[in-house]
Structure formats: C-alpha cells, structure tokens
Amino acid sequence: MKECSHLAAAPAGEPEPLSGTCLECEAAGTQYVQLRLCLACGYVGCCDSSPLKHASAHFTESGHPVVRSFEPGENWRWCYVDNVLV
C-alpha cells in the first residue's frame, strides 16, 4: 500500500481557510463541484471534477502537496505527490 510522507511535514494544526469558496471560479463565473483546503497555507480551490481544477493548479504553482476535503462532514486528505488518500 502506498504511503505519504508529506502529511507529517505539514504545519501542526490546520491553517485558517483563506475563503469559504473557490474565488477563482467565482471570478471566472464557473461552477465548481467540490472544494479542497490546502493544509500548508489555507488556500481553498475547486476539485479535479470541477472544470478549472484550481486546487490542482495551486499544487502545481506552490508545491503544497496535501489538501483535505473542504466539504461538510468530510475529513479525508489527498497527497498530490504520492497520489494517495491519507
């Protein structure tokens, strides 16, 4: 089973979300499917099922590897580097 070493390197605790929605989708007038929270900096972006995939774009630009679902009742995490749920 594949594991992730990046979660252990994430800052302690969880960062304050920088917004409550995907601001880029709002600015572009597009609809997102679900949201993801970057555990390194608090950026909130749309998931890969959304048309513009802003959370993945944030990873590509920033190198911040781990996000968690920003949907109510969900707490799973995803590592972009290892392509694994953590």
PDB file of N, CA and C in Angstrom:
ATOM      1  N   MET A   1       0.837  -1.183   0.000  1.00  0.00           N
ATOM      2  CA  MET A   1       0.000   0.000   0.000  1.00  0.00           C
ATOM      3  C   MET A   1       0.882   1.247   0.000  1.00  0.00           C
ATOM      4  N   LYS A   2       0.570   2.179  -0.853  1.00  0.00           N
ATOM      5  CA  LYS A   2       1.336   3.409  -0.987  1.00  0.00           C
ATOM      6  C   LYS A   2       1.087   4.327   0.218  1.00  0.00           C
ATOM      7  N   GLU A   3       2.133   4.971   0.703  1.00  0.00           N
ATOM      8  CA  GLU A   3       2.021   5.870   1.840  1.00  0.00           C
ATOM      9  C   GLU A   3       2.486   7.269   1.463  1.00  0.00           C
ATOM     10  N   CYS A   4       2.185   8.208   2.337  1.00  0.00           N
ATOM     11  CA  CYS A   4       2.540   9.609   2.112  1.00  0.00           C
ATOM     12  C   CYS A   4       3.436  10.102   3.242  1.00  0.00           C
ATOM     13  N   SER A   5       4.568  10.669   2.887  1.00  0.00           N
ATOM     14  CA  SER A   5       5.462  11.254   3.881  1.00  0.00           C
ATOM     15  C   SER A   5       5.232  12.756   4.027  1.00  0.00           C
ATOM     16  N   HIS A   6       4.411  13.325   3.163  1.00  0.00           N
ATOM     17  CA  HIS A   6       4.221  14.773   3.139  1.00  0.00           C
ATOM     18  C   HIS A   6       3.291  15.288   4.235  1.00  0.00           C
ATOM     19  N   LEU A   7       2.347  14.467   4.678  1.00  0.00           N
ATOM     20  CA  LEU A   7       1.421  14.904   5.721  1.00  0.00           C
ATOM     21  C   LEU A   7       2.168  15.198   7.019  1.00  0.00           C
ATOM     22  N   ALA A   8       3.157  14.376   7.341  1.00  0.00           N
ATOM     23  CA  ALA A   8       3.937  14.591   8.560  1.00  0.00           C
ATOM     24  C   ALA A   8       4.711  15.905   8.498  1.00  0.00           C
ATOM     25  N   ALA A   9       5.041  16.363   7.303  1.00  0.00           N
ATOM     26  CA  ALA A   9       5.793  17.608   7.138  1.00  0.00           C
ATOM     27  C   ALA A   9       4.890  18.841   7.113  1.00  0.00           C
ATOM     28  N   ALA A  10       3.570  18.630   7.089  1.00  0.00           N
ATOM     29  CA  ALA A  10       2.626  19.753   7.067  1.00  0.00           C
ATOM     30  C   ALA A  10       2.682  20.475   8.415  1.00  0.00           C
ATOM     31  N   PRO A  11       2.362  21.769   8.414  1.00  0.00           N
ATOM     32  CA  PRO A  11       2.352  22.505   9.681  1.00  0.00           C
ATOM     33  C   PRO A  11       1.393  21.855  10.683  1.00  0.00           C
ATOM     34  N   ALA A  12       1.718  21.988  11.972  1.00  0.00           N
ATOM     35  CA  ALA A  12       0.845  21.443  13.023  1.00  0.00           C
ATOM     36  C   ALA A  12      -0.500  22.156  12.982  1.00  0.00           C
ATOM     37  N   GLY A  13      -1.556  21.407  13.244  1.00  0.00           N
ATOM     38  CA  GLY A  13      -2.885  22.006  13.185  1.00  0.00           C
ATOM     39  C   GLY A  13      -3.309  22.213  11.750  1.00  0.00           C
ATOM     40  N   GLU A  14      -4.344  22.971  11.592  1.00  0.00           N
ATOM     41  CA  GLU A  14      -4.870  23.234  10.252  1.00  0.00           C
ATOM     42  C   GLU A  14      -4.905  24.737  10.027  1.00  0.00           C
ATOM     43  N   PRO A  15      -4.486  25.200   8.855  1.00  0.00           N
ATOM     44  CA  PRO A  15      -4.492  26.646   8.614  1.00  0.00           C
ATOM     45  C   PRO A  15      -5.910  27.191   8.513  1.00  0.00           C
ATOM     46  N   GLU A  16      -6.046  28.447   8.810  1.00  0.00           N
ATOM     47  CA  GLU A  16      -7.323  29.139   8.644  1.00  0.00           C
ATOM     48  C   GLU A  16      -7.632  29.220   7.144  1.00  0.00           C
ATOM     49  N   PRO A  17      -8.820  28.791   6.714  1.00  0.00           N
ATOM     50  CA  PRO A  17      -9.163  28.900   5.286  1.00  0.00           C
ATOM     51  C   PRO A  17      -9.117  30.359   4.832  1.00  0.00           C
ATOM     52  N   LEU A  18      -8.521  30.604   3.677  1.00  0.00           N
ATOM     53  CA  LEU A  18      -8.421  31.959   3.150  1.00  0.00           C
ATOM     54  C   LEU A  18      -9.742  32.463   2.579  1.00  0.00           C
ATOM     55  N   SER A  19     -10.676  31.545   2.328  1.00  0.00           N
ATOM     56  CA  SER A  19     -12.007  31.912   1.824  1.00  0.00           C
ATOM     57  C   SER A  19     -12.955  30.758   2.128  1.00  0.00           C
ATOM     58  N   GLY A  20     -14.217  30.962   1.810  1.00  0.00           N
ATOM     59  CA  GLY A  20     -15.204  29.912   2.004  1.00  0.00           C
ATOM     60  C   GLY A  20     -15.623  29.263   0.707  1.00  0.00           C
ATOM     61  N   THR A  21     -14.974  29.669  -0.370  1.00  0.00           N
ATOM     62  CA  THR A  21     -15.323  29.170  -1.697  1.00  0.00           C
ATOM     63  C   THR A  21     -14.108  29.259  -2.607  1.00  0.00           C
ATOM     64  N   CYS A  22     -14.250  28.793  -3.831  1.00  0.00           N
ATOM     65  CA  CYS A  22     -13.174  28.936  -4.812  1.00  0.00           C
ATOM     66  C   CYS A  22     -13.308  30.320  -5.451  1.00  0.00           C
ATOM     67  N   LEU A  23     -12.458  31.225  -5.031  1.00  0.00           N
ATOM     68  CA  LEU A  23     -12.542  32.603  -5.517  1.00  0.00           C
ATOM     69  C   LEU A  23     -12.273  32.702  -7.014  1.00  0.00           C
ATOM     70  N   GLU A  24     -11.395  31.839  -7.537  1.00  0.00           N
ATOM     71  CA  GLU A  24     -11.106  31.864  -8.969  1.00  0.00           C
ATOM     72  C   GLU A  24     -12.323  31.456  -9.793  1.00  0.00           C
ATOM     73  N   CYS A  25     -13.069  30.457  -9.315  1.00  0.00           N
ATOM     74  CA  CYS A  25     -14.298  30.056 -10.020  1.00  0.00           C
ATOM     75  C   CYS A  25     -15.324  31.188  -9.984  1.00  0.00           C
ATOM     76  N   GLU A  26     -15.441  31.831  -8.830  1.00  0.00           N
ATOM     77  CA  GLU A  26     -16.367  32.961  -8.729  1.00  0.00           C
ATOM     78  C   GLU A  26     -15.974  34.061  -9.710  1.00  0.00           C
ATOM     79  N   ALA A  27     -14.692  34.383  -9.758  1.00  0.00           N
ATOM     80  CA  ALA A  27     -14.222  35.442 -10.652  1.00  0.00           C
ATOM     81  C   ALA A  27     -14.448  35.082 -12.117  1.00  0.00           C
ATOM     82  N   ALA A  28     -14.304  33.784 -12.450  1.00  0.00           N
ATOM     83  CA  ALA A  28     -14.465  33.335 -13.837  1.00  0.00           C
ATOM     84  C   ALA A  28     -15.930  33.072 -14.189  1.00  0.00           C
ATOM     85  N   GLY A  29     -16.794  33.065 -13.175  1.00  0.00           N
ATOM     86  CA  GLY A  29     -18.209  32.786 -13.425  1.00  0.00           C
ATOM     87  C   GLY A  29     -18.487  31.321 -13.716  1.00  0.00           C
ATOM     88  N   THR A  30     -17.622  30.431 -13.203  1.00  0.00           N
ATOM     89  CA  THR A  30     -17.822  28.999 -13.422  1.00  0.00           C
ATOM     90  C   THR A  30     -18.320  28.337 -12.142  1.00  0.00           C
ATOM     91  N   GLN A  31     -18.928  27.192 -12.306  1.00  0.00           N
ATOM     92  CA  GLN A  31     -19.465  26.419 -11.200  1.00  0.00           C
ATOM     93  C   GLN A  31     -18.446  25.363 -10.787  1.00  0.00           C
ATOM     94  N   TYR A  32     -18.188  25.223  -9.494  1.00  0.00           N
ATOM     95  CA  TYR A  32     -17.307  24.159  -9.024  1.00  0.00           C
ATOM     96  C   TYR A  32     -18.147  22.986  -8.535  1.00  0.00           C
ATOM     97  N   VAL A  33     -17.500  21.812  -8.411  1.00  0.00           N
ATOM     98  CA  VAL A  33     -18.180  20.612  -7.933  1.00  0.00           C
ATOM     99  C   VAL A  33     -17.994  20.485  -6.422  1.00  0.00           C
ATOM    100  N   GLN A  34     -16.744  20.446  -5.960  1.00  0.00           N
ATOM    101  CA  GLN A  34     -16.409  20.392  -4.538  1.00  0.00           C
ATOM    102  C   GLN A  34     -15.162  21.221  -4.285  1.00  0.00           C
ATOM    103  N   LEU A  35     -14.900  21.467  -2.998  1.00  0.00           N
ATOM    104  CA  LEU A  35     -13.770  22.305  -2.616  1.00  0.00           C
ATOM    105  C   LEU A  35     -12.712  21.516  -1.864  1.00  0.00           C
ATOM    106  N   ARG A  36     -11.467  21.980  -1.957  1.00  0.00           N
ATOM    107  CA  ARG A  36     -10.335  21.405  -1.255  1.00  0.00           C
ATOM    108  C   ARG A  36      -9.608  22.513  -0.500  1.00  0.00           C
ATOM    109  N   LEU A  37      -9.082  22.179   0.695  1.00  0.00           N
ATOM    110  CA  LEU A  37      -8.338  23.116   1.521  1.00  0.00           C
ATOM    111  C   LEU A  37      -6.874  22.703   1.543  1.00  0.00           C
ATOM    112  N   CYS A  38      -5.987  23.599   1.157  1.00  0.00           N
ATOM    113  CA  CYS A  38      -4.544  23.336   1.216  1.00  0.00           C
ATOM    114  C   CYS A  38      -4.113  23.346   2.675  1.00  0.00           C
ATOM    115  N   LEU A  39      -3.479  22.265   3.134  1.00  0.00           N
ATOM    116  CA  LEU A  39      -3.067  22.165   4.525  1.00  0.00           C
ATOM    117  C   LEU A  39      -1.784  22.925   4.827  1.00  0.00           C
ATOM    118  N   ALA A  40      -1.132  23.458   3.812  1.00  0.00           N
ATOM    119  CA  ALA A  40       0.074  24.258   4.039  1.00  0.00           C
ATOM    120  C   ALA A  40      -0.251  25.730   4.254  1.00  0.00           C
ATOM    121  N   CYS A  41      -1.234  26.259   3.503  1.00  0.00           N
ATOM    122  CA  CYS A  41      -1.449  27.704   3.544  1.00  0.00           C
ATOM    123  C   CYS A  41      -2.903  28.146   3.697  1.00  0.00           C
ATOM    124  N   GLY A  42      -3.869  27.242   3.604  1.00  0.00           N
ATOM    125  CA  GLY A  42      -5.266  27.625   3.759  1.00  0.00           C
ATOM    126  C   GLY A  42      -5.979  28.008   2.474  1.00  0.00           C
ATOM    127  N   TYR A  43      -5.298  27.890   1.341  1.00  0.00           N
ATOM    128  CA  TYR A  43      -5.937  28.178   0.055  1.00  0.00           C
ATOM    129  C   TYR A  43      -7.128  27.242  -0.157  1.00  0.00           C
ATOM    130  N   VAL A  44      -8.233  27.776  -0.647  1.00  0.00           N
ATOM    131  CA  VAL A  44      -9.408  26.974  -0.965  1.00  0.00           C
ATOM    132  C   VAL A  44      -9.599  27.002  -2.477  1.00  0.00           C
ATOM    133  N   GLY A  45      -9.616  25.815  -3.083  1.00  0.00           N
ATOM    134  CA  GLY A  45      -9.781  25.716  -4.535  1.00  0.00           C
ATOM    135  C   GLY A  45     -10.712  24.580  -4.890  1.00  0.00           C
ATOM    136  N   CYS A  46     -11.163  24.579  -6.122  1.00  0.00           N
ATOM    137  CA  CYS A  46     -12.093  23.558  -6.594  1.00  0.00           C
ATOM    138  C   CYS A  46     -11.360  22.258  -6.948  1.00  0.00           C
ATOM    139  N   CYS A  47     -12.097  21.167  -6.868  1.00  0.00           N
ATOM    140  CA  CYS A  47     -11.538  19.825  -7.077  1.00  0.00           C
ATOM    141  C   CYS A  47     -11.308  19.518  -8.560  1.00  0.00           C
ATOM    142  N   ASP A  48     -10.713  18.366  -8.817  1.00  0.00           N
ATOM    143  CA  ASP A  48     -10.416  17.957 -10.189  1.00  0.00           C
ATOM    144  C   ASP A  48     -11.655  17.569 -10.990  1.00  0.00           C
ATOM    145  N   SER A  49     -12.788  17.387 -10.347  1.00  0.00           N
ATOM    146  CA  SER A  49     -14.044  17.149 -11.074  1.00  0.00           C
ATOM    147  C   SER A  49     -14.661  18.460 -11.540  1.00  0.00           C
ATOM    148  N   SER A  50     -14.137  19.565 -11.060  1.00  0.00           N
ATOM    149  CA  SER A  50     -14.597  20.890 -11.477  1.00  0.00           C
ATOM    150  C   SER A  50     -13.910  21.273 -12.780  1.00  0.00           C
ATOM    151  N   PRO A  51     -14.545  22.128 -13.574  1.00  0.00           N
ATOM    152  CA  PRO A  51     -13.979  22.462 -14.887  1.00  0.00           C
ATOM    153  C   PRO A  51     -12.562  23.050 -14.853  1.00  0.00           C
ATOM    154  N   LEU A  52     -12.252  23.874 -13.852  1.00  0.00           N
ATOM    155  CA  LEU A  52     -10.973  24.585 -13.873  1.00  0.00           C
ATOM    156  C   LEU A  52      -9.912  24.032 -12.910  1.00  0.00           C
ATOM    157  N   LYS A  53     -10.252  23.097 -12.060  1.00  0.00           N
ATOM    158  CA  LYS A  53      -9.295  22.360 -11.217  1.00  0.00           C
ATOM    159  C   LYS A  53      -8.304  23.268 -10.484  1.00  0.00           C
ATOM    160  N   HIS A  54      -8.827  24.250  -9.767  1.00  0.00           N
ATOM    161  CA  HIS A  54      -7.952  25.229  -9.125  1.00  0.00           C
ATOM    162  C   HIS A  54      -7.114  24.656  -7.988  1.00  0.00           C
ATOM    163  N   ALA A  55      -7.599  23.659  -7.255  1.00  0.00           N
ATOM    164  CA  ALA A  55      -6.787  23.071  -6.178  1.00  0.00           C
ATOM    165  C   ALA A  55      -5.536  22.406  -6.754  1.00  0.00           C
ATOM    166  N   SER A  56      -5.688  21.667  -7.844  1.00  0.00           N
ATOM    167  CA  SER A  56      -4.521  21.050  -8.501  1.00  0.00           C
ATOM    168  C   SER A  56      -3.583  22.108  -9.052  1.00  0.00           C
ATOM    169  N   ALA A  57      -4.141  23.175  -9.613  1.00  0.00           N
ATOM    170  CA  ALA A  57      -3.311  24.262 -10.132  1.00  0.00           C
ATOM    171  C   ALA A  57      -2.509  24.907  -8.998  1.00  0.00           C
ATOM    172  N   HIS A  58      -3.137  25.037  -7.832  1.00  0.00           N
ATOM    173  CA  HIS A  58      -2.430  25.591  -6.667  1.00  0.00           C
ATOM    174  C   HIS A  58      -1.251  24.693  -6.293  1.00  0.00           C
ATOM    175  N   PHE A  59      -1.460  23.379  -6.289  1.00  0.00           N
ATOM    176  CA  PHE A  59      -0.359  22.460  -6.002  1.00  0.00           C
ATOM    177  C   PHE A  59       0.774  22.643  -7.014  1.00  0.00           C
ATOM    178  N   THR A  60       0.445  22.711  -8.288  1.00  0.00           N
ATOM    179  CA  THR A  60       1.447  22.858  -9.339  1.00  0.00           C
ATOM    180  C   THR A  60       2.252  24.146  -9.158  1.00  0.00           C
ATOM    181  N   GLU A  61       1.564  25.231  -8.803  1.00  0.00           N
ATOM    182  CA  GLU A  61       2.226  26.528  -8.643  1.00  0.00           C
ATOM    183  C   GLU A  61       2.998  26.639  -7.330  1.00  0.00           C
ATOM    184  N   SER A  62       2.444  26.086  -6.248  1.00  0.00           N
ATOM    185  CA  SER A  62       3.022  26.299  -4.924  1.00  0.00           C
ATOM    186  C   SER A  62       3.897  25.150  -4.432  1.00  0.00           C
ATOM    187  N   GLY A  63       3.607  23.931  -4.923  1.00  0.00           N
ATOM    188  CA  GLY A  63       4.301  22.760  -4.413  1.00  0.00           C
ATOM    189  C   GLY A  63       3.729  22.237  -3.109  1.00  0.00           C
ATOM    190  N   HIS A  64       2.633  22.811  -2.632  1.00  0.00           N
ATOM    191  CA  HIS A  64       1.999  22.345  -1.396  1.00  0.00           C
ATOM    192  C   HIS A  64       1.285  21.027  -1.691  1.00  0.00           C
ATOM    193  N   PRO A  65       1.743  19.919  -1.111  1.00  0.00           N
ATOM    194  CA  PRO A  65       1.309  18.599  -1.561  1.00  0.00           C
ATOM    195  C   PRO A  65      -0.004  18.059  -1.013  1.00  0.00           C
ATOM    196  N   VAL A  66      -0.446  18.499   0.189  1.00  0.00           N
ATOM    197  CA  VAL A  66      -1.594  17.835   0.815  1.00  0.00           C
ATOM    198  C   VAL A  66      -2.775  18.791   0.972  1.00  0.00           C
ATOM    199  N   VAL A  67      -3.938  18.311   0.553  1.00  0.00           N
ATOM    200  CA  VAL A  67      -5.201  19.025   0.740  1.00  0.00           C
ATOM    201  C   VAL A  67      -6.156  18.120   1.505  1.00  0.00           C
ATOM    202  N   ARG A  68      -7.187  18.730   2.054  1.00  0.00           N
ATOM    203  CA  ARG A  68      -8.273  17.939   2.615  1.00  0.00           C
ATOM    204  C   ARG A  68      -9.565  18.408   1.970  1.00  0.00           C
ATOM    205  N   SER A  69     -10.557  17.544   2.026  1.00  0.00           N
ATOM    206  CA  SER A  69     -11.868  17.936   1.531  1.00  0.00           C
ATOM    207  C   SER A  69     -12.350  19.118   2.358  1.00  0.00           C
ATOM    208  N   PHE A  70     -12.934  20.093   1.702  1.00  0.00           N
ATOM    209  CA  PHE A  70     -13.498  21.257   2.379  1.00  0.00           C
ATOM    210  C   PHE A  70     -15.021  21.187   2.328  1.00  0.00           C
ATOM    211  N   GLU A  71     -15.523  19.957   2.218  1.00  0.00           N
ATOM    212  CA  GLU A  71     -16.967  19.724   2.174  1.00  0.00           C
ATOM    213  C   GLU A  71     -17.456  19.354   3.576  1.00  0.00           C
ATOM    214  N   PRO A  72     -18.654  19.812   3.960  1.00  0.00           N
ATOM    215  CA  PRO A  72     -19.191  19.489   5.283  1.00  0.00           C
ATOM    216  C   PRO A  72     -19.259  17.973   5.507  1.00  0.00           C
ATOM    217  N   GLY A  73     -18.804  17.533   6.672  1.00  0.00           N
ATOM    218  CA  GLY A  73     -18.873  16.133   7.039  1.00  0.00           C
ATOM    219  C   GLY A  73     -17.774  15.258   6.461  1.00  0.00           C
ATOM    220  N   GLU A  74     -16.860  15.820   5.675  1.00  0.00           N
ATOM    221  CA  GLU A  74     -15.758  15.046   5.097  1.00  0.00           C
ATOM    222  C   GLU A  74     -14.442  15.517   5.714  1.00  0.00           C
ATOM    223  N   ASN A  75     -13.542  14.577   5.996  1.00  0.00           N
ATOM    224  CA  ASN A  75     -12.247  14.967   6.564  1.00  0.00           C
ATOM    225  C   ASN A  75     -11.076  14.234   5.933  1.00  0.00           C
ATOM    226  N   TRP A  76     -11.292  13.595   4.776  1.00  0.00           N
ATOM    227  CA  TRP A  76     -10.201  12.875   4.128  1.00  0.00           C
ATOM    228  C   TRP A  76      -9.186  13.859   3.542  1.00  0.00           C
ATOM    229  N   ARG A  77      -7.977  13.354   3.354  1.00  0.00           N
ATOM    230  CA  ARG A  77      -6.880  14.164   2.808  1.00  0.00           C
ATOM    231  C   ARG A  77      -6.304  13.471   1.580  1.00  0.00           C
ATOM    232  N   TRP A  78      -5.733  14.269   0.681  1.00  0.00           N
ATOM    233  CA  TRP A  78      -5.151  13.761  -0.553  1.00  0.00           C
ATOM    234  C   TRP A  78      -3.761  14.344  -0.718  1.00  0.00           C
ATOM    235  N   CYS A  79      -2.805  13.492  -1.071  1.00  0.00           N
ATOM    236  CA  CYS A  79      -1.449  13.947  -1.373  1.00  0.00           C
ATOM    237  C   CYS A  79      -1.264  13.913  -2.881  1.00  0.00           C
ATOM    238  N   TYR A  80      -1.025  15.084  -3.474  1.00  0.00           N
ATOM    239  CA  TYR A  80      -0.828  15.181  -4.922  1.00  0.00           C
ATOM    240  C   TYR A  80       0.481  14.511  -5.367  1.00  0.00           C
ATOM    241  N   VAL A  81       1.499  14.553  -4.543  1.00  0.00           N
ATOM    242  CA  VAL A  81       2.797  13.993  -4.909  1.00  0.00           C
ATOM    243  C   VAL A  81       2.712  12.468  -4.991  1.00  0.00           C
ATOM    244  N   ASP A  82       2.137  11.858  -3.944  1.00  0.00           N
ATOM    245  CA  ASP A  82       2.084  10.396  -3.872  1.00  0.00           C
ATOM    246  C   ASP A  82       0.802   9.809  -4.475  1.00  0.00           C
ATOM    247  N   ASN A  83      -0.131  10.683  -4.866  1.00  0.00           N
ATOM    248  CA  ASN A  83      -1.420  10.224  -5.424  1.00  0.00           C
ATOM    249  C   ASN A  83      -2.099   9.208  -4.514  1.00  0.00           C
ATOM    250  N   VAL A  84      -2.279   9.613  -3.255  1.00  0.00           N
ATOM    251  CA  VAL A  84      -2.845   8.680  -2.276  1.00  0.00           C
ATOM    252  C   VAL A  84      -3.702   9.441  -1.263  1.00  0.00           C
ATOM    253  N   LEU A  85      -4.767   8.788  -0.820  1.00  0.00           N
ATOM    254  CA  LEU A  85      -5.569   9.305   0.289  1.00  0.00           C
ATOM    255  C   LEU A  85      -4.779   9.085   1.564  1.00  0.00           C
ATOM    256  N   VAL A  86      -4.758  10.097   2.414  1.00  0.00           N
ATOM    257  CA  VAL A  86      -4.016   9.985   3.687  1.00  0.00           C
ATOM    258  C   VAL A  86      -4.923  10.331   4.847  1.00  0.00           C
TER     259      VAL A  86
END
